[in-house]
Amino acid sequence: MPKITNVCCIGAGYVGGPTMAVIAYKCPHIQVNVVDISERIVKAWNSDVLPIYEPGLDDIVKKVRGKNLTFSTAIEQGIKDADVIFVCVNTPTKVHGIGQGFASNLTNLEKAARTIARVATAPKIVVEKSTVPVQTADAIRRILLAHNKDAKKSDFQVLSNPEFLAEGTAIKDLLSPSRVLIGSEQTPAGIEAAEALVEVYANFVPKKQIITTNLWSSELSKLVANAFLAQRISSINSISALCEKTKANVYEVANAIGSDPRIGSRFLQASVGFGGSCFQKDILNLVYLCKSFGLPEVAEYWAQVVKMNDYQKDRFARNMVKTMFNTVTGKKIALFGFAFKKDTGDTRETAAVYISKSLLDERAVVAVHDPKVTEEKLWEELKYTVGIDKDSFDNLEKYISISTDPYKTAADSHAIAILTEWDSFKELDYQRLFDSMKKPAFLFDGRNLVDHEKLRKIGFQVYAIGKTFKDSLAPMESK
């Protein structure tokens, strides 16, 4: 394989855009072209307001855009010019047919492979960046060869190079990754292609942190990594329910067990539940794979991680209703945070949308405040994730709204629920918020973010995940 000097990325989403921006920034000798079928997304990448928010992303894009980084809809030209083609298209969970609710929908990936096969006129390295089931690379290679009868097997090498980005820290993760994983077919041509990609990353990643494996190990590692991380979250969330019943404090328990070097402290923060585009999708994919290969016990084990996450979200919403005298009908509830985590505007599978649905089903009036989530994203998430839109819910705009002003959001509300761990929520004037609310004023902390003792002294009735609820209340009886 020749030295890589031209890279094409099909897909300008959460993975493709930031990843290619960092490669262009760190490899000025490589031309990087990001292509996408969406004119709207491409236009946004070429504007002053990027289509996604990530700390540090704006600065990097502005430094390299128009130099060795381009965004366009010229997909075929990008493929023709490239030495290596990254495929970063969406692979959502299937909603119809075989594997519905579990398997990945590979339609976009197959379309990309067929386009490459039709357009490519010279040997190409095709890199799976999208999260895919094990053995997808083999399907891509068969499509490439079937569409080009004159092609030799060595003309198309398919590599697996999964992303391990955490939204909110994606740029940091890209600039200083804990590891880069590259899987290839274990043939001379496959290994050579992998080494060519290694040399690209070696411009900014120490080679000892670049791991090469066979294709199948690489594809499976992505699913397993997310499954293990989600498992830890569900594990501590299951213990939070027990803590609330036994007067234990889940945060003290997490600190105690996290001090054990065999366990470690990361991903032991009890919360309202995990969200995002990866964890649930990848676990469900893993469950489907296990079932497909005749491993029902393994499938059930991993399915429980998702069940526990659903239980945590449902439990939080039920506790809100129960605590507020078993009814929230007509009551204004302020939700602080709608993104699935801080430092991102991503709302995919956010716990907040499920809490919103539960409250809307009870006909509460939901007021949302989030620093980075737009009204458009709010409506989109309600419609496509929980099936609520203006056609299915009468007077929906009367029952839910979003504002950039937290004080306006909380005014005249009966409760505040903190659902995203935005740092700005720690700095709010809670006395001012309390004074503007109906009494008793409730605060439900789904992220253990704020000072509960301070809030109780102000007068809030505080519910915190993993703490005995009676102990979390303001000391009304002693007043």
Protein backbone atom coordinates (compact mmCIF):
# COMPACT_ATOMS: atom_id res chain seq x y z
CA MET A 1 0.00 0.00 0.00
CA PRO A 2 1.29 3.51 -0.84
CA LYS A 3 1.75 6.12 1.82
CA ILE A 4 -1.59 7.71 2.72
CA THR A 5 -1.85 11.30 1.52
CA ASN A 6 -5.59 11.64 0.88
CA VAL A 7 -8.39 10.62 3.24
CA CYS A 8 -12.12 10.59 2.56
CA CYS A 9 -14.68 10.22 5.32
CA ILE A 10 -18.24 9.26 4.43
CA GLY A 11 -20.44 10.74 7.14
CA ALA A 12 -20.16 14.13 8.85
CA GLY A 13 -21.78 13.23 12.16
CA TYR A 14 -20.62 13.00 15.76
CA VAL A 15 -17.78 10.62 14.87
CA GLY A 16 -16.73 11.61 11.37
CA GLY A 17 -16.57 15.38 11.83
CA PRO A 18 -14.43 15.58 15.00
CA THR A 19 -12.22 12.60 14.06
CA MET A 20 -11.34 13.98 10.66
CA ALA A 21 -10.80 17.48 12.04
CA VAL A 22 -8.20 16.12 14.47
CA ILE A 23 -6.49 14.00 11.79
CA ALA A 24 -6.28 17.06 9.52
CA TYR A 25 -4.96 19.17 12.40
CA LYS A 26 -2.29 16.66 13.39
CA CYS A 27 -1.40 15.55 9.86
CA PRO A 28 -1.00 18.72 7.74
CA HIS A 29 0.55 16.64 4.94
CA ILE A 30 -2.70 14.67 4.50
CA GLN A 31 -5.70 16.07 2.61
CA VAL A 32 -8.89 15.19 4.50
CA ASN A 33 -12.27 15.40 2.76
CA VAL A 34 -15.46 14.81 4.74
CA VAL A 35 -18.49 14.05 2.57
CA ASP A 36 -22.15 13.65 3.42
CA ILE A 37 -25.46 13.45 1.56
CA SER A 38 -26.99 16.13 3.79
CA GLU A 39 -26.50 19.61 2.36
CA ARG A 40 -27.77 21.06 5.65
CA ILE A 41 -25.09 19.34 7.73
CA VAL A 42 -22.32 20.17 5.25
CA LYS A 43 -23.41 23.81 5.22
CA ALA A 44 -23.27 23.88 9.02
CA TRP A 45 -19.73 22.43 9.05
CA ASN A 46 -18.68 25.22 6.70
CA SER A 47 -20.31 27.92 8.85
CA ASP A 48 -19.46 29.65 12.12
CA VAL A 49 -22.02 27.49 13.97
CA LEU A 50 -20.99 23.84 13.73
CA PRO A 51 -23.73 21.18 13.74
CA ILE A 52 -22.43 19.62 16.97
CA TYR A 53 -20.99 21.03 20.15
CA GLU A 54 -17.77 19.67 21.61
CA PRO A 55 -15.32 21.68 23.74
CA GLY A 56 -12.31 22.56 21.57
CA LEU A 57 -13.87 21.46 18.28
CA ASP A 58 -14.52 24.98 16.94
CA ASP A 59 -10.91 26.03 17.35
CA ILE A 60 -9.50 22.99 15.56
CA VAL A 61 -11.95 23.17 12.65
CA LYS A 62 -11.22 26.86 12.09
CA LYS A 63 -7.47 26.18 11.99
CA VAL A 64 -7.63 23.55 9.24
CA ARG A 65 -10.88 24.12 7.34
CA GLY A 66 -10.11 25.35 3.85
CA LYS A 67 -6.51 24.21 4.14
CA ASN A 68 -6.32 20.42 4.35
CA LEU A 69 -9.87 19.84 5.64
CA THR A 70 -12.99 20.17 3.49
CA PHE A 71 -16.68 19.41 3.98
CA SER A 72 -18.82 18.78 0.91
CA THR A 73 -21.50 16.66 -0.72
CA ALA A 74 -19.08 15.54 -3.47
CA ILE A 75 -19.12 11.92 -2.31
CA GLU A 76 -18.00 10.29 -5.56
CA GLN A 77 -15.09 12.68 -6.09
CA GLY A 78 -13.99 12.18 -2.49
CA ILE A 79 -13.94 8.40 -3.01
CA LYS A 80 -12.01 8.64 -6.28
CA ASP A 81 -9.31 10.89 -4.80
CA ALA A 82 -8.80 8.97 -1.56
CA ASP A 83 -6.18 6.42 -0.57
CA VAL A 84 -8.24 5.47 2.47
CA ILE A 85 -11.99 5.82 3.00
CA PHE A 86 -13.43 6.01 6.51
CA VAL A 87 -17.06 4.96 6.78
CA CYS A 88 -18.68 6.91 9.63
CA VAL A 89 -22.38 6.48 8.89
CA ASN A 90 -25.19 5.95 11.37
CA THR A 91 -26.01 2.33 12.32
CA PRO A 92 -29.12 2.67 14.51
CA THR A 93 -31.00 -0.18 16.15
CA LYS A 94 -33.54 -1.80 13.82
CA VAL A 95 -37.14 -0.83 14.40
CA HIS A 96 -38.64 -3.33 11.94
CA GLY A 97 -38.10 -6.91 10.80
CA ILE A 98 -35.70 -9.59 12.03
CA GLY A 99 -33.75 -8.43 15.06
CA GLN A 100 -36.16 -5.53 15.68
CA GLY A 101 -35.19 -3.64 18.82
CA PHE A 102 -31.76 -5.31 19.07
CA ALA A 103 -29.81 -5.70 15.82
CA SER A 104 -28.08 -2.84 14.05
CA ASN A 105 -29.60 -1.43 10.89
CA LEU A 106 -26.74 -1.58 8.39
CA THR A 107 -28.58 0.05 5.48
CA ASN A 108 -26.40 3.17 5.49
CA LEU A 109 -23.24 1.12 5.75
CA GLU A 110 -24.23 -1.07 2.81
CA LYS A 111 -25.12 1.98 0.71
CA ALA A 112 -21.69 3.43 1.42
CA ALA A 113 -19.99 0.16 0.48
CA ARG A 114 -21.93 -0.08 -2.79
CA THR A 115 -21.07 3.52 -3.66
CA ILE A 116 -17.38 2.87 -3.03
CA ALA A 117 -17.53 -0.28 -5.16
CA ARG A 118 -19.21 1.55 -8.01
CA VAL A 119 -16.98 4.61 -7.97
CA ALA A 120 -13.52 3.39 -6.97
CA THR A 121 -11.11 3.01 -9.90
CA ALA A 122 -7.95 2.16 -7.94
CA PRO A 123 -7.03 0.08 -4.85
CA LYS A 124 -8.58 1.45 -1.67
CA ILE A 125 -8.38 0.91 2.06
CA VAL A 126 -11.88 1.00 3.50
CA VAL A 127 -12.08 1.62 7.24
CA GLU A 128 -15.09 0.76 9.37
CA LYS A 129 -15.44 3.55 11.90
CA SER A 130 -19.13 3.03 12.50
CA THR A 131 -20.09 0.64 15.29
CA VAL A 132 -20.99 -2.63 13.57
CA PRO A 133 -21.73 -6.27 14.42
CA VAL A 134 -18.93 -8.80 14.31
CA GLN A 135 -18.11 -10.01 10.76
CA THR A 136 -19.56 -6.91 9.04
CA ALA A 137 -16.16 -6.33 7.41
CA ASP A 138 -16.58 -9.57 5.49
CA ALA A 139 -19.90 -8.34 4.07
CA ILE A 140 -18.31 -5.04 3.01
CA ARG A 141 -15.44 -6.85 1.27
CA ARG A 142 -17.86 -9.16 -0.59
CA ILE A 143 -19.86 -6.14 -1.82
CA LEU A 144 -16.69 -4.40 -2.98
CA LEU A 145 -15.47 -7.42 -4.93
CA ALA A 146 -18.88 -8.37 -6.35
CA HIS A 147 -19.38 -4.94 -7.88
CA ASN A 148 -15.98 -4.84 -9.54
CA LYS A 149 -15.38 -8.04 -11.47
CA ASP A 150 -11.88 -6.97 -12.50
CA ALA A 151 -10.81 -6.28 -8.91
CA LYS A 152 -8.36 -8.55 -7.15
CA LYS A 153 -8.91 -9.34 -3.49
CA SER A 154 -5.90 -7.20 -2.61
CA ASP A 155 -7.42 -4.15 -4.35
CA PHE A 156 -9.80 -3.58 -1.44
CA GLN A 157 -8.64 -3.98 2.13
CA VAL A 158 -11.24 -3.54 4.84
CA LEU A 159 -10.05 -2.45 8.27
CA SER A 160 -11.88 -2.05 11.56
CA ASN A 161 -10.97 1.10 13.49
CA PRO A 162 -13.70 1.63 16.10
CA GLU A 163 -14.03 4.93 17.92
CA PHE A 164 -13.81 5.14 21.70
CA LEU A 165 -14.96 8.72 22.13
CA ALA A 166 -16.90 10.08 25.08
CA GLU A 167 -19.15 12.96 24.10
CA GLY A 168 -18.17 16.09 25.96
CA THR A 169 -14.50 15.06 25.91
CA ALA A 170 -14.27 13.87 22.29
CA ILE A 171 -11.50 16.26 21.24
CA LYS A 172 -9.43 15.41 24.29
CA ASP A 173 -10.00 11.71 23.59
CA LEU A 174 -8.91 12.15 19.98
CA LEU A 175 -5.81 14.20 20.74
CA SER A 176 -4.66 11.93 23.58
CA PRO A 177 -6.38 8.56 23.16
CA SER A 178 -5.84 5.78 25.67
CA ARG A 179 -5.53 3.45 22.66
CA VAL A 180 -6.21 3.26 18.95
CA LEU A 181 -7.51 -0.11 17.76
CA ILE A 182 -7.00 -1.32 14.19
CA GLY A 183 -8.21 -4.70 13.02
CA SER A 184 -7.30 -6.26 9.69
CA GLU A 185 -7.47 -9.51 7.82
CA GLN A 186 -4.40 -11.50 8.81
CA THR A 187 -2.96 -11.72 5.32
CA PRO A 188 0.13 -9.90 3.99
CA ALA A 189 -2.08 -7.36 2.19
CA GLY A 190 -4.34 -6.92 5.20
CA ILE A 191 -1.44 -6.42 7.61
CA GLU A 192 0.18 -3.98 5.17
CA ALA A 193 -3.03 -1.93 5.00
CA ALA A 194 -3.23 -1.86 8.80
CA GLU A 195 0.36 -0.62 8.99
CA ALA A 196 -0.46 2.18 6.54
CA LEU A 197 -3.22 3.36 8.88
CA VAL A 198 -0.92 2.94 11.89
CA GLU A 199 1.45 5.44 10.28
CA VAL A 200 -1.35 8.02 10.05
CA TYR A 201 -2.16 7.80 13.75
CA ALA A 202 1.54 7.62 14.66
CA ASN A 203 1.78 11.31 13.74
CA PHE A 204 0.19 12.10 17.11
CA VAL A 205 -0.29 8.83 19.02
CA PRO A 206 2.61 6.81 20.51
CA LYS A 207 2.87 3.51 18.66
CA LYS A 208 2.74 1.55 21.91
CA GLN A 209 -0.85 2.81 22.25
CA ILE A 210 -1.86 1.61 18.78
CA ILE A 211 -3.20 -1.93 19.03
CA THR A 212 -3.50 -4.16 15.97
CA THR A 213 -5.72 -7.24 15.97
CA ASN A 214 -7.68 -9.40 13.58
CA LEU A 215 -10.86 -7.92 12.15
CA TRP A 216 -13.29 -9.81 14.36
CA SER A 217 -11.54 -8.95 17.62
CA SER A 218 -11.57 -5.27 16.71
CA GLU A 219 -15.25 -5.22 15.80
CA LEU A 220 -16.25 -7.07 18.96
CA SER A 221 -14.02 -4.96 21.24
CA LYS A 222 -16.10 -1.85 20.58
CA LEU A 223 -19.34 -3.51 21.67
CA VAL A 224 -17.71 -5.12 24.69
CA ALA A 225 -16.06 -1.90 25.86
CA ASN A 226 -19.38 -0.05 25.92
CA ALA A 227 -21.15 -3.02 27.49
CA PHE A 228 -18.64 -3.16 30.34
CA LEU A 229 -18.91 0.59 31.01
CA ALA A 230 -22.72 0.50 30.96
CA GLN A 231 -22.65 -2.56 33.20
CA ARG A 232 -20.79 -0.59 35.88
CA ILE A 233 -23.36 2.21 35.73
CA SER A 234 -26.29 -0.21 36.00
CA SER A 235 -24.53 -2.05 38.82
CA ILE A 236 -24.12 1.04 41.00
CA ASN A 237 -27.63 2.22 40.10
CA SER A 238 -29.04 -1.10 41.31
CA ILE A 239 -27.22 -0.56 44.60
CA SER A 240 -28.63 2.98 44.84
CA ALA A 241 -32.12 1.50 45.13
CA LEU A 242 -30.94 -0.74 47.97
CA CYS A 243 -29.23 2.18 49.71
CA GLU A 244 -32.45 4.16 49.76
CA LYS A 245 -34.13 1.28 51.60
CA THR A 246 -31.35 0.57 54.09
CA LYS A 247 -30.15 4.09 55.09
CA ALA A 248 -26.82 3.49 53.37
CA ASN A 249 -25.39 6.26 51.16
CA VAL A 250 -24.60 5.09 47.63
CA TYR A 251 -21.90 7.73 47.21
CA GLU A 252 -20.09 6.51 50.33
CA VAL A 253 -20.46 2.93 49.11
CA ALA A 254 -19.10 3.88 45.68
CA ASN A 255 -16.15 5.66 47.26
CA ALA A 256 -15.40 2.65 49.46
CA ILE A 257 -15.48 0.06 46.69
CA GLY A 258 -13.86 2.41 44.17
CA SER A 259 -10.83 2.68 46.45
CA ASP A 260 -10.14 -0.97 45.72
CA PRO A 261 -7.61 -0.94 42.84
CA ARG A 262 -9.17 -4.13 41.50
CA ILE A 263 -12.42 -2.21 40.96
CA GLY A 264 -11.43 1.44 40.45
CA SER A 265 -13.55 4.54 40.85
CA ARG A 266 -14.65 5.36 37.31
CA PHE A 267 -18.26 4.88 36.16
CA LEU A 268 -19.48 4.34 39.72
CA GLN A 269 -21.51 7.56 39.88
CA ALA A 270 -25.14 6.69 40.62
CA SER A 271 -27.55 8.68 38.46
CA VAL A 272 -30.93 8.76 36.81
CA GLY A 273 -29.49 6.45 34.13
CA PHE A 274 -27.14 6.37 31.16
CA GLY A 275 -28.05 7.68 27.72
CA GLY A 276 -26.34 8.59 24.47
CA SER A 277 -26.16 6.93 21.10
CA CYS A 278 -23.79 4.11 22.04
CA PHE A 279 -24.35 2.29 25.31
CA GLN A 280 -27.87 0.98 24.84
CA LYS A 281 -27.50 0.40 21.11
CA ASP A 282 -24.25 -1.53 21.50
CA ILE A 283 -25.53 -3.68 24.37
CA LEU A 284 -28.67 -4.58 22.44
CA ASN A 285 -26.48 -5.44 19.46
CA LEU A 286 -24.37 -7.66 21.71
CA VAL A 287 -27.52 -9.33 23.05
CA TYR A 288 -28.69 -10.05 19.50
CA LEU A 289 -25.31 -11.47 18.52
CA CYS A 290 -25.31 -13.79 21.51
CA LYS A 291 -28.80 -15.01 20.68
CA SER A 292 -27.84 -15.47 17.02
CA PHE A 293 -24.90 -17.66 17.98
CA GLY A 294 -26.99 -19.80 20.35
CA LEU A 295 -25.88 -18.25 23.64
CA PRO A 296 -29.18 -17.36 25.38
CA GLU A 297 -27.69 -17.22 28.89
CA VAL A 298 -25.02 -14.75 27.78
CA ALA A 299 -27.66 -12.70 25.97
CA GLU A 300 -29.86 -12.53 29.07
CA TYR A 301 -26.91 -11.47 31.21
CA TRP A 302 -26.23 -8.41 29.06
CA ALA A 303 -29.92 -7.65 28.51
CA GLN A 304 -30.22 -7.13 32.26
CA VAL A 305 -27.89 -4.11 32.02
CA VAL A 306 -30.44 -2.33 29.82
CA LYS A 307 -33.36 -3.49 31.99
CA MET A 308 -31.69 -2.00 35.06
CA ASN A 309 -31.16 1.29 33.23
CA ASP A 310 -34.83 1.42 32.27
CA TYR A 311 -35.78 0.58 35.86
CA GLN A 312 -33.68 3.46 37.20
CA LYS A 313 -35.34 6.04 34.94
CA ASP A 314 -38.80 4.71 35.75
CA ARG A 315 -38.01 4.62 39.48
CA PHE A 316 -36.85 8.23 39.46
CA ALA A 317 -40.03 9.42 37.74
CA ARG A 318 -42.25 7.38 40.05
CA ASN A 319 -40.48 8.78 43.10
CA MET A 320 -41.13 12.29 41.83
CA VAL A 321 -44.85 11.64 41.55
CA LYS A 322 -45.08 9.78 44.86
CA THR A 323 -43.15 12.45 46.74
CA MET A 324 -45.31 15.25 45.38
CA PHE A 325 -48.43 13.82 47.08
CA ASN A 326 -49.06 11.19 44.38
CA THR A 327 -50.10 13.70 41.74
CA VAL A 328 -48.34 16.10 39.41
CA THR A 329 -51.33 16.89 37.21
CA GLY A 330 -51.25 20.58 36.32
CA LYS A 331 -48.08 21.14 38.35
CA LYS A 332 -45.14 22.86 36.71
CA ILE A 333 -41.97 20.75 36.90
CA ALA A 334 -38.62 22.31 35.92
CA LEU A 335 -36.15 19.94 34.31
CA PHE A 336 -32.58 21.19 34.49
CA GLY A 337 -30.76 19.47 31.67
CA PHE A 338 -31.99 17.62 28.59
CA ALA A 339 -28.69 16.52 26.98
CA PHE A 340 -27.69 13.02 27.99
CA LYS A 341 -24.51 14.37 29.64
CA LYS A 342 -22.74 17.67 30.15
CA ASP A 343 -20.63 19.45 27.53
CA THR A 344 -22.67 18.16 24.61
CA GLY A 345 -25.91 19.06 22.89
CA ASP A 346 -26.61 15.41 22.08
CA THR A 347 -30.03 14.25 23.27
CA ARG A 348 -30.06 10.73 21.84
CA GLU A 349 -31.48 8.24 24.39
CA THR A 350 -31.21 10.89 27.09
CA ALA A 351 -32.78 9.92 30.41
CA ALA A 352 -34.51 13.31 30.37
CA VAL A 353 -36.81 12.39 27.49
CA TYR A 354 -38.12 9.35 29.38
CA ILE A 355 -38.65 11.39 32.54
CA SER A 356 -40.45 13.98 30.40
CA LYS A 357 -42.75 11.34 28.95
CA SER A 358 -43.62 9.99 32.39
CA LEU A 359 -44.46 13.48 33.61
CA LEU A 360 -46.43 14.37 30.47
CA ASP A 361 -48.42 11.14 30.81
CA GLU A 362 -49.41 12.45 34.25
CA ARG A 363 -50.28 15.80 32.59
CA ALA A 364 -47.62 17.76 34.43
CA VAL A 365 -46.44 21.02 32.84
CA VAL A 366 -42.79 20.42 31.96
CA ALA A 367 -40.37 23.34 31.62
CA VAL A 368 -36.90 22.44 30.36
CA HIS A 369 -33.64 24.36 30.69
CA ASP A 370 -30.45 23.22 28.98
CA PRO A 371 -27.46 25.36 27.89
CA LYS A 372 -26.95 23.55 24.58
CA VAL A 373 -30.21 21.85 23.59
CA THR A 374 -32.41 23.67 21.07
CA GLU A 375 -36.18 23.59 20.84
CA GLU A 376 -35.83 21.67 17.57
CA LYS A 377 -33.83 18.93 19.30
CA LEU A 378 -36.38 18.75 22.11
CA TRP A 379 -39.28 18.15 19.73
CA GLU A 380 -37.21 15.71 17.68
CA GLU A 381 -36.30 13.59 20.70
CA LEU A 382 -39.86 13.54 22.02
CA LYS A 383 -41.19 12.39 18.66
CA TYR A 384 -38.65 9.80 17.62
CA THR A 385 -37.66 8.33 20.99
CA VAL A 386 -40.88 8.28 23.01
CA GLY A 387 -43.50 8.88 20.31
CA ILE A 388 -44.86 12.22 21.51
CA ASP A 389 -45.61 14.98 19.01
CA LYS A 390 -48.24 17.59 18.32
CA ASP A 391 -50.39 15.05 16.45
CA SER A 392 -50.42 12.47 19.25
CA PHE A 393 -50.64 14.82 22.25
CA ASP A 394 -53.32 17.52 22.41
CA ASN A 395 -52.00 20.99 23.22
CA LEU A 396 -48.44 19.67 23.57
CA GLU A 397 -46.95 23.18 23.51
CA LYS A 398 -49.03 23.98 26.58
CA TYR A 399 -47.45 21.12 28.50
CA ILE A 400 -43.76 21.33 27.57
CA SER A 401 -41.38 24.16 26.72
CA ILE A 402 -37.65 24.93 26.77
CA SER A 403 -35.76 28.04 27.83
CA THR A 404 -32.18 29.23 28.12
CA ASP A 405 -33.04 31.03 31.38
CA PRO A 406 -33.00 28.73 34.45
CA TYR A 407 -34.79 31.26 36.65
CA LYS A 408 -37.64 31.67 34.17
CA THR A 409 -37.81 27.88 33.88
CA ALA A 410 -38.15 27.41 37.64
CA ALA A 411 -40.52 30.29 38.37
CA ASP A 412 -43.88 29.10 39.78
CA SER A 413 -42.76 25.47 39.57
CA HIS A 414 -43.46 22.87 42.22
CA ALA A 415 -40.17 21.06 41.68
CA ILE A 416 -36.78 21.11 40.02
CA ALA A 417 -35.26 17.89 38.67
CA ILE A 418 -31.57 17.93 37.79
CA LEU A 419 -31.10 15.47 34.93
CA THR A 420 -27.78 16.56 33.37
CA GLU A 421 -24.58 17.29 35.29
CA TRP A 422 -23.89 20.72 33.76
CA ASP A 423 -21.33 22.59 35.88
CA SER A 424 -23.38 25.78 35.53
CA PHE A 425 -26.13 24.23 37.65
CA LYS A 426 -23.79 24.25 40.65
CA GLU A 427 -23.43 28.03 40.43
CA LEU A 428 -27.11 28.97 40.34
CA ASP A 429 -28.67 31.12 43.04
CA TYR A 430 -30.84 28.48 44.69
CA GLN A 431 -32.27 30.93 47.21
CA ARG A 432 -33.61 32.94 44.27
CA LEU A 433 -34.95 29.76 42.67
CA PHE A 434 -36.60 28.68 45.93
CA ASP A 435 -38.23 32.06 46.46
CA SER A 436 -39.85 31.91 43.01
CA MET A 437 -41.30 28.41 43.44
CA LYS A 438 -44.53 27.00 44.87
CA LYS A 439 -44.24 25.59 48.37
CA PRO A 440 -43.25 23.06 49.45
CA ALA A 441 -40.48 23.33 46.87
CA PHE A 442 -39.01 19.99 45.82
CA LEU A 443 -35.62 19.32 44.28
CA PHE A 444 -34.84 15.92 42.75
CA ASP A 445 -31.12 15.54 42.10
CA GLY A 446 -30.62 12.87 39.47
CA ARG A 447 -26.86 13.48 39.28
CA ASN A 448 -25.83 14.16 42.91
CA LEU A 449 -24.63 17.50 41.63
CA VAL A 450 -25.57 20.09 44.23
CA ASP A 451 -25.06 20.63 47.96
CA HIS A 452 -28.07 18.91 49.50
CA GLU A 453 -27.46 20.14 53.04
CA LYS A 454 -27.29 23.74 51.84
CA LEU A 455 -30.50 23.30 49.86
CA ARG A 456 -32.29 21.78 52.84
CA LYS A 457 -31.32 24.78 54.94
CA ILE A 458 -32.84 27.04 52.30
CA GLY A 459 -36.05 25.03 52.61
CA PHE A 460 -36.02 22.63 49.66
CA GLN A 461 -37.42 19.14 50.06
CA VAL A 462 -34.51 17.21 48.50
CA TYR A 463 -34.54 13.76 46.94
CA ALA A 464 -31.11 12.41 46.00
CA ILE A 465 -30.51 9.08 44.31
CA GLY A 466 -28.99 6.49 46.62
CA LYS A 467 -29.83 8.24 49.88
CA THR A 468 -32.67 7.44 52.24
CA PHE A 469 -35.42 9.82 51.21
CA LYS A 470 -36.49 10.65 54.76
CA ASP A 471 -32.95 11.74 55.55
CA SER A 472 -32.86 13.90 52.41
CA LEU A 473 -35.88 16.03 53.33
CA ALA A 474 -35.68 19.51 54.75
CA PRO A 475 -36.13 19.37 58.54
CA MET A 476 -39.72 20.68 58.45
CA GLU A 477 -40.75 18.94 61.65
CA SER A 478 -38.04 20.77 63.63
CA LYS A 479 -39.03 24.22 62.38
